[in-house]
Protein backbone atom coordinates (compact mmCIF):
# COMPACT_ATOMS: atom_id res chain seq x y z
CA MET A 1 -29.65 29.03 108.53
CA PRO A 2 -33.41 29.10 108.05
CA THR A 3 -34.71 28.37 104.56
CA ILE A 4 -37.75 29.29 102.53
CA THR A 5 -38.99 27.88 99.22
CA ILE A 6 -40.17 30.40 96.61
CA ASP A 7 -41.67 28.99 93.41
CA GLY A 8 -39.76 25.76 93.89
CA LYS A 9 -36.40 27.37 94.70
CA THR A 10 -35.05 26.84 98.22
CA CYS A 11 -33.30 29.96 99.58
CA GLU A 12 -31.42 30.64 102.78
CA PHE A 13 -32.16 33.91 104.57
CA GLU A 14 -31.47 35.95 107.68
CA GLN A 15 -34.12 36.71 110.24
CA GLY A 16 -35.96 39.93 109.48
CA GLN A 17 -35.77 39.68 105.70
CA THR A 18 -39.03 39.88 103.79
CA ILE A 19 -40.06 37.30 101.19
CA LEU A 20 -39.54 39.79 98.35
CA GLN A 21 -36.05 40.73 99.54
CA ILE A 22 -35.07 37.06 99.56
CA ALA A 23 -36.56 36.54 96.10
CA ASN A 24 -34.68 39.55 94.68
CA ALA A 25 -31.41 38.36 96.24
CA ASN A 26 -31.80 34.88 94.74
CA GLY A 27 -32.98 35.78 91.27
CA VAL A 28 -36.61 34.72 91.76
CA LYS A 29 -38.78 37.12 89.81
CA ILE A 30 -41.74 38.64 91.64
CA PRO A 31 -43.50 41.68 90.09
CA GLN A 32 -43.16 44.86 92.17
CA TYR A 33 -43.90 48.55 91.78
CA CYS A 34 -43.91 50.35 95.13
CA TYR A 35 -41.03 48.45 96.75
CA HIS A 36 -37.49 49.85 96.67
CA ASP A 37 -34.53 48.75 98.80
CA GLY A 38 -33.74 52.33 99.78
CA LEU A 39 -37.25 53.36 100.84
CA SER A 40 -39.79 52.42 103.51
CA ILE A 41 -42.22 49.60 102.72
CA VAL A 42 -45.85 50.62 102.14
CA ALA A 43 -47.22 47.59 100.24
CA SER A 44 -49.56 49.81 98.22
CA CYS A 45 -49.33 48.46 94.68
CA ARG A 46 -50.44 44.90 95.68
CA ILE A 47 -49.00 43.21 92.58
CA CYS A 48 -46.46 41.25 94.67
CA LEU A 49 -49.17 39.38 96.61
CA ALA A 50 -48.48 35.65 96.81
CA GLU A 51 -49.87 32.46 98.27
CA VAL A 52 -47.94 31.46 101.40
CA HIS A 53 -47.91 28.08 103.16
CA ALA A 54 -46.37 28.08 106.64
CA PRO A 55 -45.92 25.62 109.54
CA ASN A 56 -48.74 25.97 112.08
CA PRO A 57 -47.36 25.69 115.66
CA ARG A 58 -50.89 24.97 116.91
CA ASN A 59 -51.14 21.89 114.67
CA ASP A 60 -47.78 20.15 115.24
CA ASN A 61 -46.08 22.51 112.75
CA LYS A 62 -47.96 21.01 109.83
CA LEU A 63 -47.73 23.04 106.65
CA GLU A 64 -50.96 25.00 106.11
CA ALA A 65 -51.99 27.59 103.55
CA ILE A 66 -52.58 31.08 104.90
CA PRO A 67 -56.14 31.91 103.74
CA LYS A 68 -55.45 35.28 102.14
CA LEU A 69 -52.71 36.38 99.77
CA LEU A 70 -49.87 38.20 101.48
CA PRO A 71 -47.74 41.13 100.22
CA THR A 72 -44.28 39.60 99.82
CA CYS A 73 -42.61 43.02 100.17
CA GLN A 74 -43.95 43.43 103.71
CA THR A 75 -44.24 39.85 105.01
CA PRO A 76 -41.26 38.62 107.06
CA ALA A 77 -39.96 35.27 105.89
CA GLY A 78 -40.34 32.26 108.19
CA ASN A 79 -38.42 29.02 108.33
CA ASP A 80 -39.82 26.24 106.10
CA GLN A 81 -42.38 28.50 104.46
CA ILE A 82 -43.42 27.73 100.88
CA VAL A 83 -44.40 30.65 98.65
CA TYR A 84 -46.23 30.45 95.33
CA THR A 85 -46.32 33.47 93.02
CA THR A 86 -47.50 31.39 90.04
CA SER A 87 -50.47 29.68 91.68
CA PRO A 88 -53.97 30.37 90.23
CA LYS A 89 -54.82 32.75 93.09
CA SER A 90 -51.57 34.71 92.70
CA ILE A 91 -51.92 34.93 88.92
CA ALA A 92 -55.53 36.09 89.23
CA ASN A 93 -54.38 38.89 91.57
CA GLN A 94 -51.61 39.95 89.20
CA LYS A 95 -54.04 40.18 86.30
CA ALA A 96 -56.55 42.11 88.41
CA VAL A 97 -53.93 44.63 89.60
CA MET A 98 -52.69 45.18 86.06
CA GLU A 99 -56.24 45.67 84.84
CA TYR A 100 -56.94 48.28 87.54
CA LEU A 101 -53.70 50.14 86.80
CA LEU A 102 -54.45 50.31 83.07
CA ILE A 103 -58.09 51.44 83.39
CA ASN A 104 -57.21 55.14 83.26
CA HIS A 105 -53.69 54.87 81.86
CA PRO A 106 -53.33 56.63 78.49
CA LEU A 107 -52.37 54.62 75.43
CA ASP A 108 -49.38 56.82 74.58
CA CYS A 109 -46.48 54.37 74.74
CA PRO A 110 -45.28 55.39 71.24
CA VAL A 111 -44.59 58.96 72.45
CA CYS A 112 -43.61 58.19 76.07
CA ASP A 113 -39.96 58.67 77.04
CA GLN A 114 -40.18 55.68 79.37
CA ALA A 115 -41.11 53.29 76.55
CA GLY A 116 -38.55 50.50 76.37
CA GLU A 117 -37.66 50.63 80.07
CA CYS A 118 -41.16 50.78 81.57
CA ASP A 119 -42.24 48.28 84.23
CA LEU A 120 -45.88 48.87 83.30
CA GLN A 121 -45.18 47.79 79.72
CA ASP A 122 -43.21 44.74 80.82
CA TYR A 123 -45.70 43.61 83.45
CA SER A 124 -48.64 44.21 81.10
CA TYR A 125 -47.01 41.76 78.72
CA GLU A 126 -46.04 39.25 81.42
CA TYR A 127 -48.92 39.46 83.89
CA GLY A 128 -51.75 41.42 82.25
CA ARG A 129 -54.80 40.43 80.24
CA GLY A 130 -54.77 40.27 76.48
CA VAL A 131 -57.72 42.67 76.15
CA SER A 132 -59.24 45.47 78.21
CA ARG A 133 -62.79 45.18 79.55
CA PHE A 134 -63.00 48.90 80.35
CA GLU A 135 -65.25 50.78 77.93
CA GLU A 136 -65.94 54.02 79.83
CA THR A 137 -64.13 57.33 79.37
CA LYS A 138 -60.68 57.48 80.93
CA VAL A 139 -59.97 60.06 83.64
CA LYS A 140 -57.61 62.70 82.25
CA GLN A 141 -55.00 64.15 84.62
CA PRO A 142 -52.87 67.26 83.97
CA LYS A 143 -49.19 67.64 83.13
CA LYS A 144 -47.27 69.48 85.83
CA ASN A 145 -43.98 71.33 85.97
CA LEU A 146 -42.63 70.18 89.35
CA GLY A 147 -39.26 71.92 89.30
CA PRO A 148 -36.19 72.77 87.22
CA HIS A 149 -35.54 69.16 86.19
CA VAL A 150 -38.78 67.18 86.47
CA TYR A 151 -42.08 67.02 84.57
CA LEU A 152 -45.06 65.06 85.92
CA TYR A 153 -47.44 63.40 83.46
CA ALA A 154 -50.05 62.72 86.13
CA ASP A 155 -52.32 60.53 83.99
CA ARG A 156 -49.53 57.95 83.70
CA CYS A 157 -48.95 57.77 87.45
CA ILE A 158 -49.79 54.48 89.23
CA MET A 159 -49.50 55.99 92.73
CA CYS A 160 -46.63 53.80 93.91
CA SER A 161 -45.53 56.77 96.09
CA ARG A 162 -41.81 56.10 95.59
CA CYS A 163 -41.16 59.76 94.75
CA VAL A 164 -43.04 61.03 97.81
CA ARG A 165 -41.15 58.69 100.12
CA PHE A 166 -37.85 59.72 98.54
CA THR A 167 -38.35 63.42 99.27
CA ARG A 168 -39.33 62.63 102.85
CA GLU A 169 -36.83 59.88 103.72
CA VAL A 170 -33.75 60.44 101.52
CA SER A 171 -33.53 64.11 100.60
CA GLY A 172 -35.47 65.17 103.71
CA THR A 173 -37.03 68.08 101.83
CA GLY A 174 -40.62 66.79 101.55
CA GLU A 175 -41.71 68.79 98.50
CA LEU A 176 -44.03 66.07 97.15
CA THR A 177 -47.35 64.89 98.53
CA ILE A 178 -50.40 62.86 97.50
CA GLU A 179 -53.70 64.69 97.17
CA GLY A 180 -57.21 63.54 96.26
CA ARG A 181 -58.89 60.15 96.55
CA GLY A 182 -59.81 57.28 94.25
CA ASN A 183 -59.30 57.95 90.55
CA GLN A 184 -58.71 61.66 91.33
CA GLU A 185 -55.64 60.90 93.43
CA GLN A 186 -52.43 62.47 92.14
CA ILE A 187 -48.90 63.52 93.05
CA ASP A 188 -48.33 67.23 93.55
CA ILE A 189 -46.01 69.76 95.15
CA PHE A 190 -46.95 71.99 98.04
CA PRO A 191 -47.96 75.52 96.96
CA GLY A 192 -44.91 77.64 96.26
CA VAL A 193 -42.46 74.79 97.03
CA PRO A 194 -40.98 73.41 93.78
CA LEU A 195 -39.08 70.13 93.60
CA ASP A 196 -35.70 71.84 93.69
CA ASN A 197 -33.38 70.01 96.09
CA GLU A 198 -29.87 68.81 95.17
CA LEU A 199 -31.10 65.22 94.66
CA SER A 200 -34.40 66.02 92.93
CA ALA A 201 -33.83 64.13 89.67
CA ASN A 202 -33.49 60.80 91.48
CA VAL A 203 -37.30 60.61 91.48
CA ILE A 204 -37.08 60.16 87.70
CA ASP A 205 -35.06 56.96 88.15
CA LEU A 206 -37.40 55.79 90.91
CA CYS A 207 -40.56 56.16 88.84
CA PRO A 208 -41.43 52.70 87.43
CA VAL A 209 -43.59 54.22 84.66
CA GLY A 210 -43.48 57.33 82.47
CA ALA A 211 -45.02 59.72 85.00
CA LEU A 212 -41.88 61.57 86.16
CA LEU A 213 -39.71 62.59 83.23
CA ASP A 214 -36.37 64.36 82.84
CA LYS A 215 -36.73 67.74 81.13
CA ASP A 216 -33.20 67.50 79.85
CA PHE A 217 -33.76 64.08 78.21
CA LEU A 218 -37.36 64.67 77.08
CA PHE A 219 -37.91 63.60 73.44
CA THR A 220 -34.17 63.50 72.67
CA GLN A 221 -33.50 59.78 72.10
CA ARG A 222 -35.21 56.40 72.18
CA VAL A 223 -33.76 54.37 75.04
CA TRP A 224 -33.26 51.23 72.94
CA PHE A 225 -30.72 53.12 70.83
CA LEU A 226 -28.65 54.04 73.88
CA LYS A 227 -25.50 52.15 74.91
CA SER A 228 -24.46 52.12 78.56
CA THR A 229 -20.90 52.45 79.87
CA PRO A 230 -20.12 52.10 83.60
CA SER A 231 -18.14 55.08 84.84
CA ILE A 232 -17.21 57.11 87.92
CA ASP A 233 -18.21 60.65 88.81
CA GLY A 234 -15.56 62.89 87.26
CA ILE A 235 -16.74 66.09 88.90
CA THR A 236 -16.64 65.69 92.70
CA ALA A 237 -14.57 63.80 95.28
CA GLN A 238 -17.47 61.50 96.22
CA GLY A 239 -16.65 58.95 93.50
CA ASP A 240 -20.28 58.14 92.74
CA ASN A 241 -20.83 55.13 90.50
CA ILE A 242 -22.63 56.22 87.34
CA THR A 243 -23.73 54.88 83.98
CA ILE A 244 -23.09 57.05 80.94
CA GLU A 245 -25.76 56.45 78.29
CA HIS A 246 -24.76 57.48 74.79
CA ASN A 247 -25.36 56.89 71.11
CA GLU A 248 -23.19 57.56 68.07
CA GLY A 249 -20.53 59.24 70.18
CA LYS A 250 -22.87 61.65 71.98
CA ILE A 251 -23.84 61.53 75.67
CA TYR A 252 -27.57 61.81 76.31
CA ARG A 253 -27.89 61.19 80.04
CA ILE A 254 -26.13 59.97 83.17
CA LYS A 255 -27.82 57.65 85.66
CA PRO A 256 -26.70 56.24 89.05
CA ARG A 257 -25.18 52.78 89.45
CA ASP A 258 -25.85 50.97 92.71
CA ASN A 259 -22.92 50.88 95.12
CA MET A 260 -23.79 50.53 98.80
CA GLU A 261 -20.30 51.62 99.90
CA VAL A 262 -20.24 54.88 97.95
CA ASN A 263 -23.49 56.38 96.68
CA LYS A 264 -26.07 53.67 97.41
CA TRP A 265 -28.74 54.15 94.71
CA TRP A 266 -28.47 57.91 94.19
CA ILE A 267 -26.48 60.69 92.53
CA SER A 268 -26.75 64.45 92.90
CA ASP A 269 -28.18 66.68 90.18
CA GLU A 270 -24.75 68.30 89.94
CA ILE A 271 -23.29 64.99 88.74
CA ARG A 272 -26.31 64.01 86.64
CA TYR A 273 -26.20 67.21 84.57
CA GLY A 274 -22.54 68.13 84.93
CA TRP A 275 -21.42 66.37 81.74
CA LYS A 276 -22.48 69.15 79.34
CA PHE A 277 -18.93 70.52 79.08
CA VAL A 278 -17.94 67.30 77.24
CA HIS A 279 -19.81 68.50 74.13
CA ARG A 280 -19.17 72.22 74.45
CA GLU A 281 -18.70 73.89 71.08
CA ASP A 282 -15.59 75.75 72.27
CA ARG A 283 -13.63 72.61 73.24
CA LEU A 284 -9.93 72.78 72.34
CA THR A 285 -9.55 70.76 69.14
CA SER A 286 -6.11 71.68 67.85
CA PRO A 287 -2.62 72.30 69.27
CA GLU A 288 -1.58 75.95 69.40
CA MET A 289 1.77 77.72 69.66
CA MET A 290 3.08 81.25 69.94
CA ILE A 291 4.82 81.95 66.63
CA HIS A 292 6.37 85.42 66.25
CA GLY A 293 4.05 86.67 68.97
CA VAL A 294 0.93 85.34 67.26
CA ARG A 295 -1.11 82.39 68.57
CA THR A 296 -1.27 79.88 65.73
CA ARG A 297 -2.92 76.50 65.24
CA VAL A 298 -0.42 73.80 64.28
CA GLU A 299 -0.26 70.04 63.85
CA PHE A 300 0.56 67.72 66.77
CA PRO A 301 4.10 66.83 65.55
CA ARG A 302 5.22 70.46 65.47
CA ALA A 303 3.57 71.35 68.79
CA MET A 304 4.96 68.30 70.57
CA THR A 305 8.46 68.86 69.23
CA ALA A 306 8.33 72.50 70.34
CA ALA A 307 7.08 71.45 73.77
CA VAL A 308 9.95 69.00 74.30
CA GLU A 309 12.57 71.44 73.01
CA GLY A 310 11.20 74.26 75.15
CA LEU A 311 11.09 72.22 78.38
CA THR A 312 14.43 70.48 77.88
CA GLY A 313 17.14 72.20 79.90
CA THR A 314 14.75 74.09 82.14
CA SER A 315 14.19 73.62 85.85
CA LEU A 316 10.91 71.79 85.40
CA LEU A 317 7.73 71.94 87.46
CA ALA A 318 5.06 69.37 86.55
CA VAL A 319 1.60 70.40 87.78
CA VAL A 320 -0.79 67.47 87.53
CA SER A 321 -4.50 68.25 87.70
CA PRO A 322 -6.66 66.44 90.31
CA MET A 323 -9.17 65.93 87.49
CA LEU A 324 -6.92 63.34 85.80
CA PRO A 325 -6.89 59.59 86.54
CA CYS A 326 -3.96 57.99 88.37
CA GLU A 327 -2.49 56.34 85.28
CA GLU A 328 -2.17 59.66 83.45
CA ALA A 329 -0.58 61.24 86.52
CA TYR A 330 1.99 58.44 86.36
CA ALA A 331 2.63 58.98 82.63
CA LEU A 332 3.07 62.74 83.08
CA ALA A 333 5.38 62.32 86.07
CA LYS A 334 7.47 59.82 84.11
CA LEU A 335 7.72 62.34 81.26
CA ALA A 336 8.75 65.12 83.65
CA LYS A 337 11.57 63.00 85.10
CA ARG A 338 12.77 62.22 81.57
CA LEU A 339 12.91 65.92 80.71
CA ASP A 340 14.48 66.94 84.04
CA ALA A 341 15.80 64.40 86.53
CA ASP A 342 15.31 66.99 89.30
CA ALA A 343 11.78 67.93 88.28
CA THR A 344 9.40 69.04 91.00
CA PHE A 345 5.87 67.67 91.18
CA ALA A 346 2.77 69.58 92.23
CA ILE A 347 -0.97 68.98 92.38
CA GLY A 348 -3.12 71.46 90.53
CA PRO A 349 -5.76 73.60 92.26
CA VAL A 350 -8.43 71.58 94.10
CA PRO A 351 -11.75 73.47 93.85
CA PHE A 352 -14.05 73.66 96.89
CA GLU A 353 -17.62 74.95 97.05
CA GLY A 354 -19.16 75.45 100.47
CA GLN A 355 -19.18 72.48 102.88
CA ASP A 356 -20.08 68.80 102.70
CA LYS A 357 -23.82 68.25 102.92
CA GLU A 358 -25.24 64.98 104.25
CA PHE A 359 -28.85 63.99 103.64
CA PRO A 360 -31.13 61.90 105.90
CA GLY A 361 -30.90 58.95 103.51
CA GLY A 362 -27.12 58.74 103.98
CA TYR A 363 -26.04 60.39 100.73
CA THR A 364 -23.37 63.11 100.91
CA ILE A 365 -22.60 65.91 98.49
CA ARG A 366 -18.91 66.79 98.70
CA ALA A 367 -17.64 70.34 98.76
CA GLU A 368 -14.44 69.14 97.05
CA LYS A 369 -15.00 69.38 93.31
CA ALA A 370 -12.13 67.21 92.04
CA PRO A 371 -12.42 63.43 91.57
CA ASN A 372 -8.83 62.36 92.11
CA ALA A 373 -6.76 64.69 94.30
CA ARG A 374 -5.79 61.78 96.59
CA GLY A 375 -4.94 59.44 93.73
CA VAL A 376 -2.74 62.02 92.00
CA ARG A 377 -0.93 62.76 95.27
CA ARG A 378 -0.42 59.03 95.90
CA VAL A 379 1.22 58.58 92.49
CA LEU A 380 3.36 61.73 92.62
CA GLU A 381 4.63 60.95 96.13
CA ALA A 382 5.67 57.47 95.00
CA MET A 383 7.57 58.91 92.02
CA SER A 384 9.09 61.94 93.75
CA GLY A 385 11.82 59.96 95.48
CA GLY A 386 11.00 61.39 98.89
CA ARG A 387 10.86 65.00 97.72
CA GLU A 388 7.92 67.16 98.68
CA VAL A 389 4.91 67.22 96.38
CA LEU A 390 3.73 70.83 96.27
CA ASP A 391 0.16 72.02 96.45
CA ALA A 392 -1.17 74.67 94.08
CA ASP A 393 0.01 77.58 96.22
CA GLY A 394 3.48 76.08 96.52
CA ALA A 395 3.61 75.62 92.75
CA LEU A 396 2.68 79.28 92.22
CA ASP A 397 5.42 80.41 94.59
CA ALA A 398 8.00 78.22 92.82
CA ILE A 399 7.14 79.79 89.45
CA LYS A 400 6.95 83.37 90.73
CA SER A 401 10.30 83.14 92.51
CA GLY A 402 12.03 81.94 89.34
CA GLN A 403 13.01 78.58 90.86
CA ARG A 404 11.19 76.80 88.05
CA THR A 405 11.72 78.05 84.51
CA GLY A 406 9.70 75.38 82.73
CA VAL A 407 6.10 74.38 83.54
CA LEU A 408 4.21 71.30 82.33
CA LEU A 409 0.66 72.15 83.36
CA THR A 410 -2.59 70.19 83.06
CA GLY A 411 -6.13 71.47 83.50
CA ASN A 412 -9.17 69.40 82.45
CA TYR A 413 -11.48 71.28 84.83
CA THR A 414 -15.16 71.58 84.03
CA SER A 415 -15.16 75.37 84.20
CA GLU A 416 -12.80 78.35 84.40
CA TRP A 417 -9.97 77.53 86.83
CA VAL A 418 -7.14 79.87 85.87
CA THR A 419 -6.84 82.81 88.26
CA PRO A 420 -4.95 86.00 87.37
CA GLU A 421 -2.14 84.79 89.68
CA TRP A 422 -1.67 81.63 87.59
CA ALA A 423 -1.75 83.61 84.37
CA ASP A 424 0.87 86.11 85.63
CA ALA A 425 3.13 83.37 87.01
CA CYS A 426 3.09 81.15 83.93
CA ASP A 427 3.84 84.14 81.72
CA LYS A 428 7.32 84.18 83.34
CA ALA A 429 8.23 80.56 82.41
CA PHE A 430 8.12 78.36 79.34
CA THR A 431 4.68 76.80 79.76
CA VAL A 432 3.19 73.76 78.07
CA LEU A 433 -0.52 73.49 78.85
CA ILE A 434 -2.68 70.39 78.32
CA ASP A 435 -6.33 71.35 78.72
CA THR A 436 -9.84 70.80 77.36
CA LEU A 437 -11.57 74.21 77.54
CA PRO A 438 -10.37 77.72 76.67
CA ASN A 439 -9.19 79.94 79.54
CA ARG A 440 -6.70 82.68 80.31
CA LEU A 441 -3.72 80.35 79.97
CA THR A 442 -4.71 78.98 76.56
CA LYS A 443 -4.01 82.50 75.30
CA LEU A 444 -0.68 82.82 77.13
CA ALA A 445 1.01 79.40 77.19
CA ASN A 446 3.88 78.78 74.79
CA VAL A 447 2.36 75.47 73.68
CA VAL A 448 -1.25 74.31 74.15
CA LEU A 449 -2.21 70.67 73.60
CA PRO A 450 -5.90 69.64 73.60
CA GLY A 451 -6.80 66.93 76.13
CA VAL A 452 -10.02 65.00 76.71
CA SER A 453 -12.65 64.71 79.45
CA PHE A 454 -13.24 61.84 81.89
CA ALA A 455 -16.02 60.45 79.65
CA GLU A 456 -13.54 60.01 76.78
CA LYS A 457 -10.86 58.05 78.62
CA ALA A 458 -10.29 55.11 80.97
CA GLY A 459 -8.51 55.05 84.31
CA VAL A 460 -8.81 54.95 88.10
CA PHE A 461 -10.03 57.63 90.51
CA GLU A 462 -9.44 57.60 94.27
CA ASN A 463 -12.40 59.10 96.10
CA VAL A 464 -12.59 61.02 99.37
CA ASN A 465 -12.67 57.75 101.31
CA ASN A 466 -9.54 56.43 99.53
CA LYS A 467 -11.47 53.88 97.47
CA LEU A 468 -9.84 53.14 94.09
CA GLN A 469 -12.45 52.74 91.34
CA ALA A 470 -11.89 52.00 87.65
CA PHE A 471 -13.93 53.37 84.76
CA GLU A 472 -13.96 53.00 80.97
CA ALA A 473 -14.24 55.42 78.06
CA ALA A 474 -17.83 55.97 76.96
CA VAL A 475 -17.52 58.21 73.89
CA PRO A 476 -14.68 58.85 71.44
CA PRO A 477 -12.33 61.80 72.03
CA THR A 478 -13.38 65.10 70.52
CA GLN A 479 -11.85 65.18 67.06
CA GLY A 480 -8.42 66.76 67.21
CA ALA A 481 -7.84 66.00 70.90
CA MET A 482 -5.89 63.24 72.67
CA CYS A 483 -5.98 61.84 76.19
CA GLU A 484 -3.28 63.18 78.48
CA GLY A 485 -1.74 59.74 78.88
CA GLN A 486 -1.16 59.41 75.14
CA ILE A 487 0.22 62.95 74.96
CA ALA A 488 2.69 62.09 77.74
CA TYR A 489 3.75 58.90 75.95
CA ASP A 490 4.28 60.76 72.67
CA LEU A 491 6.26 63.57 74.29
CA PHE A 492 8.42 60.96 76.03
CA ALA A 493 9.07 59.28 72.68
CA ILE A 494 10.10 62.57 71.09
CA ALA A 495 12.43 63.26 74.03
CA GLU A 496 13.97 59.84 73.35
CA GLY A 497 14.67 60.89 69.76
CA ALA A 498 11.70 59.41 67.92
CA GLU A 499 10.55 61.10 64.75
CA PRO A 500 6.85 61.39 63.92
CA GLY A 501 5.74 58.81 61.37
CA GLU A 502 4.69 59.71 57.86
CA THR A 503 1.11 58.73 58.65
CA TYR A 504 0.87 61.08 61.65
CA GLY A 505 -2.59 62.63 61.63
CA ALA A 506 -6.25 61.76 62.05
CA ARG A 507 -7.48 58.26 61.35
CA GLU A 508 -11.18 57.44 61.35
CA VAL A 509 -12.41 54.20 62.91
CA LEU A 510 -16.15 53.75 62.48
CA ILE A 511 -17.98 51.24 64.64
CA VAL A 512 -21.62 51.01 63.62
CA ASP A 513 -22.85 49.29 66.77
CA GLU A 514 -20.58 49.42 69.80
CA GLY A 515 -19.76 46.36 71.81
CA PRO A 516 -18.02 46.12 75.17
CA GLY A 517 -14.91 48.30 75.19
CA GLN A 518 -15.75 50.01 71.89
CA VAL A 519 -16.90 53.50 71.05
CA PRO A 520 -18.39 54.73 67.77
CA GLY A 521 -16.79 57.07 65.30
CA SER A 522 -13.49 56.89 67.12
CA THR A 523 -10.89 59.43 65.99
CA THR A 524 -7.33 58.69 67.06
CA VAL A 525 -3.97 60.29 66.36
CA VAL A 526 -1.13 58.12 65.13
CA ALA A 527 1.73 58.20 67.62
CA PRO A 528 5.46 58.64 66.89
CA ARG A 529 7.17 55.47 65.71
CA ALA A 530 9.10 54.73 68.90
CA THR A 531 6.23 54.90 71.38
CA MET A 532 3.34 52.64 72.27
CA ARG A 533 -0.38 53.21 72.39
CA TYR A 534 -1.44 54.40 75.84
CA ASN A 535 -3.55 51.87 77.72
CA ALA A 536 -4.74 52.53 81.28
CA ALA A 537 -4.66 48.86 82.33
CA ASN A 538 -1.07 48.45 81.12
CA ALA A 539 -0.09 51.65 82.92
CA ARG A 540 -1.57 50.29 86.17
CA ARG A 541 0.48 47.12 85.88
CA GLU A 542 3.62 49.14 85.18
CA MET A 543 3.00 51.40 88.18
CA ALA A 544 2.46 48.49 90.53
CA ALA A 545 5.56 46.66 89.28
CA GLU A 546 7.84 49.70 89.53
CA PHE A 547 6.73 51.08 92.91
CA SER A 548 5.71 48.90 95.83
CA SER A 549 3.74 51.79 97.28
CA LEU A 550 1.52 51.66 94.18
CA SER A 551 0.79 47.93 94.38
CA ALA A 552 -2.79 48.81 95.35
CA PHE A 553 -3.44 49.58 91.70
CA GLU A 554 -3.10 45.85 91.02
CA THR A 555 -4.86 44.49 94.09
CA GLU A 556 -7.35 47.04 95.46
CA VAL A 557 -9.01 48.59 92.43
CA SER A 558 -12.79 48.18 92.30
CA TYR A 559 -14.08 47.33 88.83
CA PRO A 560 -17.71 47.67 87.68
CA SER A 561 -19.65 44.43 87.89
CA THR A 562 -20.99 43.03 84.63
CA LYS A 563 -24.63 42.04 84.31
CA ALA A 564 -25.68 38.66 83.02
CA GLN A 565 -26.79 38.37 79.43
CA GLN A 566 -30.45 39.31 79.11
CA GLU A 567 -32.73 36.41 78.32
CA PRO A 568 -35.23 36.75 75.44
CA ASP A 569 -38.92 36.96 76.30
CA MET A 570 -39.89 34.30 73.77
CA GLU A 571 -38.84 30.70 74.05
CA MET A 572 -36.77 29.48 71.11
CA VAL A 573 -37.63 26.00 69.87
CA GLU A 574 -35.57 24.10 67.34
CA LEU A 575 -37.61 22.54 64.58
């Protein structure tokens, strides 16, 4: 393979790659603003210019310096080239570019939402001058409301044009343009055409400075307080890789995680802002039962005991929601078989909205609004012993006809999902509902147990392309609620004859500063004595060991990659 040397590091490359692409792939740091792997190359910011020495075929392939600096983002690599980004000429260019960018940039880092994750801040420290030579009045640009999700602070913009290229090349909507010249140049929308496409908020992630800001996140939290947990889209069937950013048990924003096989660099606005139900004030936070015709809040031991007693001896139908991870589907199916060896399995309603929509940049928004319908079906079919796994309509018919007199039902949907047909059908059977938000059935079911959202649990989702992807819990469960897997384990233990322990109840675990695998202010519920604590990884191993058809949960699950430890800016010297 051909090789190129960049700042003393020899790197192999494929024909057609640019110098900057090779440097990024090999961990060689070159400053860059306008370049992005998912966008066209314009070479407008000029900070990546470098000194290049290349073999001259007219002089017996002797190594000669190319007279002018070349943009590494746009220059194709050549065999045996030597590139210097730390030579005096390259450093002088970097300092000049930074000086030009900062001439009219406002000194408002203390109040800027981008502070702490701003490339302009970082490069000013690494490549800029120590003082400014500009003494004239700065040009002041306006703030602009671009659309429902995005503000533009135009005086912070460095005209990298990433946002403009995104709307033209990825979303294909073209709402943004560049108007003006020189120091009056600015980003703007076309008259009467707001930035309001389904991918609009991706321009916030693309902006390397604090020019494009998220209205929803504006002035809510300093980014250095946020902790990041890799997760998977829990709203649609696409299985987008996301990062949940949170602090002290509260989610503040969701950002995309790069995955070229699934979502590339993007997520839809639906996924980015669809987490609000996690912190809804009306979340279910206590078990409820019908006592003498009155809906009453009770403790977990009483509700769980009533649920097991009510379902025991019935002809059981277990309806597992497509919003749940595979491990919890397994735990619930195992519980159903313990309560009724002839239990029937069904998949809950799978919501659809419109049709799939594909964008020019290759991103697709799925009409199917459930993250794990295929994973739940895979697990239930393995555990059904060859019996048919019903869909939602089949489950309704089985309840209405009286074939099934007991129903173990799970919800966990992000919005109202219970139709009048479901409410009427479940009113005819003993129903135990595990759900997160109030609905028609929470007022009708014999026993209601509060579950938790995808952001409060770990597990595996199978997306529309049958890719198994693992995710971790980001925030602690809402106080008074338990994950469906733990509820299934506890109900199984009670069915086996376990008695709740004397310490059954809430236990506070406070973690001041979360580390990997930890969440702050965690509230858990002590399980019955005879059961174990639910753990998604252990459940995966158990599934794979018990059913050969589920061995993929040991061998084919995709886990989030971990980033290397960040190096400090300052060199540490031992005295």
